[in-house]
C-alpha atoms as a PDB file:
ATOM      1  CA  MET A   1      10.075  18.936   8.125  1.00  0.00           C
ATOM      2  CA  ASN A   2       9.150  19.581   4.542  1.00  0.00           C
ATOM      3  CA  PRO A   3       9.002  16.362   2.463  1.00  0.00           C
ATOM      4  CA  LEU A   4       9.771  18.255  -0.665  1.00  0.00           C
ATOM      5  CA  ASN A   5      12.999  19.169   0.779  1.00  0.00           C
ATOM      6  CA  SER A   6      13.914  16.115   2.402  1.00  0.00           C
ATOM      7  CA  SER A   7      16.441  13.439   1.653  1.00  0.00           C
ATOM      8  CA  LEU A   8      15.262   9.863   1.094  1.00  0.00           C
ATOM      9  CA  GLU A   9      16.405   8.795   4.587  1.00  0.00           C
ATOM     10  CA  GLY A  10      14.976  12.156   6.189  1.00  0.00           C
ATOM     11  CA  MET A  11      11.550  11.401   4.458  1.00  0.00           C
ATOM     12  CA  LYS A  12      11.456   7.835   5.840  1.00  0.00           C
ATOM     13  CA  GLU A  13      12.390   8.958   9.332  1.00  0.00           C
ATOM     14  CA  ASN A  14       9.716  11.652   9.189  1.00  0.00           C
ATOM     15  CA  LEU A  15       7.152   9.088   8.010  1.00  0.00           C
ATOM     16  CA  LEU A  16       8.044   6.736  10.793  1.00  0.00           C
ATOM     17  CA  THR A  17       7.346   9.391  13.229  1.00  0.00           C
ATOM     18  CA  LEU A  18       4.114  10.283  11.845  1.00  0.00           C
ATOM     19  CA  LEU A  19       3.027   6.754  11.781  1.00  0.00           C
ATOM     20  CA  ALA A  20       4.247   6.370  15.526  1.00  0.00           C
ATOM     21  CA  GLN A  21       2.117   9.490  16.420  1.00  0.00           C
ATOM     22  CA  LYS A  22      -0.944   9.272  14.261  1.00  0.00           C
ATOM     23  CA  ALA A  23      -1.377   5.652  13.122  1.00  0.00           C
ATOM     24  CA  TYR A  24      -0.199   3.434  16.058  1.00  0.00           C
ATOM     25  CA  ARG A  25      -2.361   2.538  19.199  1.00  0.00           C
ATOM     26  CA  PHE A  26      -1.566  -0.003  21.956  1.00  0.00           C
ATOM     27  CA  GLY A  27      -4.648  -1.647  23.540  1.00  0.00           C
ATOM     28  CA  ASP A  28      -6.944  -4.541  22.784  1.00  0.00           C
ATOM     29  CA  PHE A  29      -7.910  -4.789  19.068  1.00  0.00           C
ATOM     30  CA  SER A  30      -9.542  -7.022  16.606  1.00  0.00           C
ATOM     31  CA  LEU A  31      -7.785  -6.864  13.259  1.00  0.00           C
ATOM     32  CA  ALA A  32      -9.346  -7.184   9.594  1.00  0.00           C
ATOM     33  CA  SER A  33      -7.736 -10.557   9.623  1.00  0.00           C
ATOM     34  CA  GLY A  34      -9.709 -11.740  12.503  1.00  0.00           C
ATOM     35  CA  LYS A  35      -6.712 -11.813  14.941  1.00  0.00           C
ATOM     36  CA  LYS A  36      -6.568 -10.278  18.265  1.00  0.00           C
ATOM     37  CA  SER A  37      -3.777  -7.794  18.803  1.00  0.00           C
ATOM     38  CA  SER A  38      -2.311  -5.260  21.372  1.00  0.00           C
ATOM     39  CA  HIS A  39      -1.036  -3.345  18.481  1.00  0.00           C
ATOM     40  CA  TYR A  40      -3.055  -1.527  15.888  1.00  0.00           C
ATOM     41  CA  VAL A  41      -1.847   0.510  13.016  1.00  0.00           C
ATOM     42  CA  ASN A  42      -4.514   2.697  10.907  1.00  0.00           C
ATOM     43  CA  CYS A  43      -2.466   4.353   8.335  1.00  0.00           C
ATOM     44  CA  LYS A  44      -5.332   6.531   7.074  1.00  0.00           C
ATOM     45  CA  PRO A  45      -4.525   9.510   9.343  1.00  0.00           C
ATOM     46  CA  VAL A  46      -1.229   9.699   7.724  1.00  0.00           C
ATOM     47  CA  SER A  47      -1.885   8.583   4.103  1.00  0.00           C
ATOM     48  CA  LEU A  48      -4.819  11.001   3.916  1.00  0.00           C
ATOM     49  CA  SER A  49      -2.743  14.036   5.217  1.00  0.00           C
ATOM     50  CA  GLY A  50      -0.716  15.873   2.608  1.00  0.00           C
ATOM     51  CA  PRO A  51       2.801  15.349   4.153  1.00  0.00           C
ATOM     52  CA  GLY A  52       2.145  11.851   4.857  1.00  0.00           C
ATOM     53  CA  LEU A  53       0.863  10.851   1.302  1.00  0.00           C
ATOM     54  CA  LEU A  54       3.774  12.995  -0.206  1.00  0.00           C
ATOM     55  CA  SER A  55       6.217  10.820   1.837  1.00  0.00           C
ATOM     56  CA  ILE A  56       4.576   7.445   1.161  1.00  0.00           C
ATOM     57  CA  SER A  57       4.128   8.150  -2.535  1.00  0.00           C
ATOM     58  CA  SER A  58       7.841   9.207  -2.916  1.00  0.00           C
ATOM     59  CA  LEU A  59       9.119   6.166  -1.071  1.00  0.00           C
ATOM     60  CA  PHE A  60       6.747   3.926  -3.053  1.00  0.00           C
ATOM     61  CA  LEU A  61       7.482   5.377  -6.502  1.00  0.00           C
ATOM     62  CA  ARG A  62      11.127   4.555  -6.056  1.00  0.00           C
ATOM     63  CA  GLN A  63      10.288   0.891  -5.603  1.00  0.00           C
ATOM     64  CA  ILE A  64       7.973   0.643  -8.565  1.00  0.00           C
ATOM     65  CA  ASN A  65       9.675  -1.313 -11.499  1.00  0.00           C
ATOM     66  CA  GLU A  66      10.379   0.414 -14.753  1.00  0.00           C
ATOM     67  CA  SER A  67       8.365  -2.434 -16.452  1.00  0.00           C
ATOM     68  CA  ASP A  68       5.268  -1.571 -14.516  1.00  0.00           C
ATOM     69  CA  SER A  69       2.278  -0.058 -16.241  1.00  0.00           C
ATOM     70  CA  GLY A  70       0.226   0.592 -13.217  1.00  0.00           C
ATOM     71  CA  VAL A  71      -0.179   0.504  -9.441  1.00  0.00           C
ATOM     72  CA  ALA A  72      -3.442  -0.958  -7.912  1.00  0.00           C
ATOM     73  CA  GLY A  73      -4.923  -1.741  -4.525  1.00  0.00           C
ATOM     74  CA  LEU A  74      -7.991  -2.842  -2.620  1.00  0.00           C
ATOM     75  CA  THR A  75     -10.415  -0.077  -1.650  1.00  0.00           C
ATOM     76  CA  LEU A  76     -10.309   1.733   0.787  1.00  0.00           C
ATOM     77  CA  GLY A  77      -6.957   1.545   2.465  1.00  0.00           C
ATOM     78  CA  ALA A  78      -5.177   1.669  -0.916  1.00  0.00           C
ATOM     79  CA  ASP A  79      -7.216   4.529  -2.553  1.00  0.00           C
ATOM     80  CA  PRO A  80      -4.975   7.446  -1.372  1.00  0.00           C
ATOM     81  CA  LEU A  81      -1.787   5.332  -2.037  1.00  0.00           C
ATOM     82  CA  VAL A  82      -2.804   4.581  -5.679  1.00  0.00           C
ATOM     83  CA  SER A  83      -3.832   8.181  -6.135  1.00  0.00           C
ATOM     84  CA  GLY A  84      -0.669   9.693  -4.548  1.00  0.00           C
ATOM     85  CA  VAL A  85       1.722   7.384  -6.601  1.00  0.00           C
ATOM     86  CA  VAL A  86       0.130   8.185  -9.944  1.00  0.00           C
ATOM     87  CA  MET A  87       0.061  11.862  -9.393  1.00  0.00           C
ATOM     88  CA  LEU A  88       3.671  11.870  -8.211  1.00  0.00           C
ATOM     89  CA  ALA A  89       4.488   9.660 -11.347  1.00  0.00           C
ATOM     90  CA  ALA A  90       2.840  11.958 -13.712  1.00  0.00           C
ATOM     91  CA  GLN A  91       4.825  14.957 -12.245  1.00  0.00           C
ATOM     92  CA  SER A  92       7.931  12.931 -12.882  1.00  0.00           C
ATOM     93  CA  ASP A  93       6.942  12.059 -16.346  1.00  0.00           C
ATOM     94  CA  ILE A  94       6.453   8.449 -15.530  1.00  0.00           C
ATOM     95  CA  ASP A  95       3.485   6.799 -17.174  1.00  0.00           C
ATOM     96  CA  LEU A  96       1.516   4.774 -14.606  1.00  0.00           C
ATOM     97  CA  SER A  97      -2.199   4.015 -14.414  1.00  0.00           C
ATOM     98  CA  GLY A  98      -3.841   3.784 -11.101  1.00  0.00           C
ATOM     99  CA  LEU A  99      -6.464   1.035 -10.582  1.00  0.00           C
ATOM    100  CA  ILE A 100      -8.794   0.697  -7.585  1.00  0.00           C
ATOM    101  CA  VAL A 101      -9.946  -2.952  -6.902  1.00  0.00           C
ATOM    102  CA  ARG A 102     -13.411  -3.216  -5.602  1.00  0.00           C
ATOM    103  CA  LYS A 103     -14.321  -5.641  -2.769  1.00  0.00           C
ATOM    104  CA  GLU A 104     -17.118  -6.946  -4.903  1.00  0.00           C
ATOM    105  CA  ALA A 105     -18.165  -6.402  -8.534  1.00  0.00           C
ATOM    106  CA  LYS A 106     -19.981  -3.227  -9.338  1.00  0.00           C
ATOM    107  CA  GLY A 107     -23.688  -3.838  -8.867  1.00  0.00           C
ATOM    108  CA  HIS A 108     -24.730  -2.015 -12.056  1.00  0.00           C
ATOM    109  CA  GLY A 109     -23.506  -0.834 -15.357  1.00  0.00           C
ATOM    110  CA  THR A 110     -20.475  -3.050 -16.582  1.00  0.00           C
ATOM    111  CA  GLY A 111     -20.091  -4.929 -13.281  1.00  0.00           C
ATOM    112  CA  ALA A 112     -16.427  -4.033 -13.222  1.00  0.00           C
ATOM    113  CA  TRP A 113     -14.099  -5.221 -10.446  1.00  0.00           C
ATOM    114  CA  LEU A 114     -11.518  -2.622 -11.514  1.00  0.00           C
ATOM    115  CA  GLU A 115     -11.776   1.168 -11.629  1.00  0.00           C
ATOM    116  CA  GLY A 116      -9.442   3.395 -13.476  1.00  0.00           C
ATOM    117  CA  PRO A 117      -7.752   3.565 -16.887  1.00  0.00           C
ATOM    118  CA  LEU A 118      -7.158  -0.099 -17.720  1.00  0.00           C
ATOM    119  CA  PRO A 119      -3.615  -0.770 -19.245  1.00  0.00           C
ATOM    120  CA  PRO A 120      -3.358  -3.491 -21.814  1.00  0.00           C
ATOM    121  CA  LYS A 121      -3.945  -7.149 -20.761  1.00  0.00           C
ATOM    122  CA  GLY A 122      -0.605  -8.682 -19.898  1.00  0.00           C
ATOM    123  CA  SER A 123       0.754  -5.452 -18.355  1.00  0.00           C
ATOM    124  CA  MET A 124       2.734  -5.615 -15.061  1.00  0.00           C
ATOM    125  CA  ILE A 125       0.933  -4.228 -12.016  1.00  0.00           C
ATOM    126  CA  THR A 126       2.360  -3.489  -8.530  1.00  0.00           C
ATOM    127  CA  VAL A 127      -0.126  -3.716  -5.624  1.00  0.00           C
ATOM    128  CA  LEU A 128      -0.084  -1.139  -2.820  1.00  0.00           C
ATOM    129  CA  GLU A 129      -1.148  -1.901   0.743  1.00  0.00           C
ATOM    130  CA  ASP A 130      -1.274   0.187   3.896  1.00  0.00           C
ATOM    131  CA  VAL A 131      -0.894  -2.627   6.460  1.00  0.00           C
ATOM    132  CA  VAL A 132      -0.188  -6.441   5.836  1.00  0.00           C
ATOM    133  CA  THR A 133      -1.125  -8.835   8.438  1.00  0.00           C
ATOM    134  CA  THR A 134      -1.927 -12.129   6.838  1.00  0.00           C
ATOM    135  CA  GLY A 135      -1.911 -10.756   3.369  1.00  0.00           C
ATOM    136  CA  GLY A 136      -5.579 -11.308   2.760  1.00  0.00           C
ATOM    137  CA  SER A 137      -6.464  -7.886   1.333  1.00  0.00           C
ATOM    138  CA  SER A 138      -3.507  -7.827  -0.988  1.00  0.00           C
ATOM    139  CA  LEU A 139      -3.959 -11.373  -2.131  1.00  0.00           C
ATOM    140  CA  ARG A 140      -7.774 -10.435  -3.070  1.00  0.00           C
ATOM    141  CA  ALA A 141      -6.710  -7.552  -5.049  1.00  0.00           C
ATOM    142  CA  VAL A 142      -3.912  -9.654  -6.800  1.00  0.00           C
ATOM    143  CA  GLU A 143      -6.360 -12.432  -7.531  1.00  0.00           C
ATOM    144  CA  GLN A 144      -8.761  -9.849  -9.106  1.00  0.00           C
ATOM    145  CA  LEU A 145      -5.945  -8.282 -11.279  1.00  0.00           C
ATOM    146  CA  ARG A 146      -4.519 -11.592 -12.262  1.00  0.00           C
ATOM    147  CA  ASN A 147      -8.220 -12.756 -13.249  1.00  0.00           C
ATOM    148  CA  GLN A 148      -8.282  -9.657 -15.395  1.00  0.00           C
ATOM    149  CA  GLY A 149      -5.227 -10.643 -17.287  1.00  0.00           C
ATOM    150  CA  TYR A 150      -2.761  -8.567 -15.527  1.00  0.00           C
ATOM    151  CA  LEU A 151       0.658  -9.724 -14.086  1.00  0.00           C
ATOM    152  CA  VAL A 152       1.500  -9.030 -10.569  1.00  0.00           C
ATOM    153  CA  ASN A 153       4.765  -9.882  -8.801  1.00  0.00           C
ATOM    154  CA  GLN A 154       5.209  -7.220  -6.054  1.00  0.00           C
ATOM    155  CA  VAL A 155       3.141  -5.813  -3.164  1.00  0.00           C
ATOM    156  CA  LEU A 156       4.426  -2.657  -1.673  1.00  0.00           C
ATOM    157  CA  ALA A 157       3.068  -1.967   1.910  1.00  0.00           C
ATOM    158  CA  ILE A 158       3.572   0.700   4.246  1.00  0.00           C
ATOM    159  CA  VAL A 159       3.750  -1.559   7.213  1.00  0.00           C
ATOM    160  CA  ASP A 160       4.261  -5.369   7.668  1.00  0.00           C
ATOM    161  CA  ARG A 161       2.986  -6.703  10.885  1.00  0.00           C
ATOM    162  CA  GLU A 162       5.235  -9.766  10.216  1.00  0.00           C
ATOM    163  CA  GLU A 163       2.247 -12.236  10.930  1.00  0.00           C
ATOM    164  CA  GLY A 164       2.428 -14.460   7.884  1.00  0.00           C
ATOM    165  CA  GLY A 165       1.723 -11.984   5.093  1.00  0.00           C
ATOM    166  CA  ALA A 166       5.120 -12.419   3.348  1.00  0.00           C
ATOM    167  CA  ASP A 167       4.896 -16.304   3.619  1.00  0.00           C
ATOM    168  CA  ALA A 168       1.296 -16.198   1.974  1.00  0.00           C
ATOM    169  CA  MET A 169       2.429 -13.923  -0.757  1.00  0.00           C
ATOM    170  CA  SER A 170       5.687 -16.030  -1.554  1.00  0.00           C
ATOM    171  CA  LYS A 171       3.269 -19.033  -2.097  1.00  0.00           C
ATOM    172  CA  VAL A 172       1.603 -17.274  -4.925  1.00  0.00           C
ATOM    173  CA  ASP A 173       4.921 -15.710  -6.599  1.00  0.00           C
ATOM    174  CA  LEU A 174       4.776 -12.383  -4.949  1.00  0.00           C
ATOM    175  CA  ASP A 175       7.373 -10.278  -3.212  1.00  0.00           C
ATOM    176  CA  LEU A 176       6.167  -8.224  -0.230  1.00  0.00           C
ATOM    177  CA  ASN A 177       8.419  -5.086   0.332  1.00  0.00           C
ATOM    178  CA  SER A 178       7.307  -2.862   3.135  1.00  0.00           C
ATOM    179  CA  LEU A 179       8.593   0.566   4.281  1.00  0.00           C
ATOM    180  CA  PHE A 180       8.452  -0.524   7.829  1.00  0.00           C
ATOM    181  CA  CYS A 181       7.822  -3.469  10.090  1.00  0.00           C
ATOM    182  CA  LEU A 182       5.468  -3.226  13.106  1.00  0.00           C
ATOM    183  CA  LYS A 183       8.428  -3.500  15.614  1.00  0.00           C
ATOM    184  CA  GLU A 184       9.847  -0.270  14.176  1.00  0.00           C
ATOM    185  CA  ILE A 185       6.715   1.656  14.754  1.00  0.00           C
ATOM    186  CA  VAL A 186       6.265   0.407  18.160  1.00  0.00           C
ATOM    187  CA  GLU A 187       9.868   1.077  19.015  1.00  0.00           C
ATOM    188  CA  ARG A 188       9.496   4.632  17.754  1.00  0.00           C
ATOM    189  CA  ALA A 189       6.304   5.179  19.701  1.00  0.00           C
ATOM    190  CA  LYS A 190       7.855   3.969  23.020  1.00  0.00           C
ATOM    191  CA  ARG A 191      10.555   6.609  22.519  1.00  0.00           C
ATOM    192  CA  MET A 192       8.189   9.411  21.927  1.00  0.00           C
END
């Protein structure tokens, strides 16, 4: 299916299939959160493919608030997401800055935590994430953005594993909106 000629629902269905085929694995895994799981989702084989990134970016862009000045995310998982959304926004004449949040301050030069064209302080930023488990990666990105003077009230994720991330985010006044829950990907993978 060509994502450019796809309806919103068709694009989402195609993305779900791509995630089930290329991102999901069943086995014995240790997650970034430190938890153990039988289910592993690595979105990079999808987010780093043309059709996958186009679908993700299109679906995310529809959820960006008009008041947002930019999108941001913690490197490495959010790098293609931020790039894809800002490129698609530019093609749609929507002005969005793309910011990459480092895992630690740059060790030279300005010592920056953020890379990209910085909007004015006080601007609203949406954080993009590939997979949310406990919300730790997203919360690190939000903390850095807020420390730099930006407003953040939303995290957009490809997959919510539904293991506490939404609760952790709501405690710091964030909404978590995900394209899919883990159980949807597991169910699609079982049917394939």
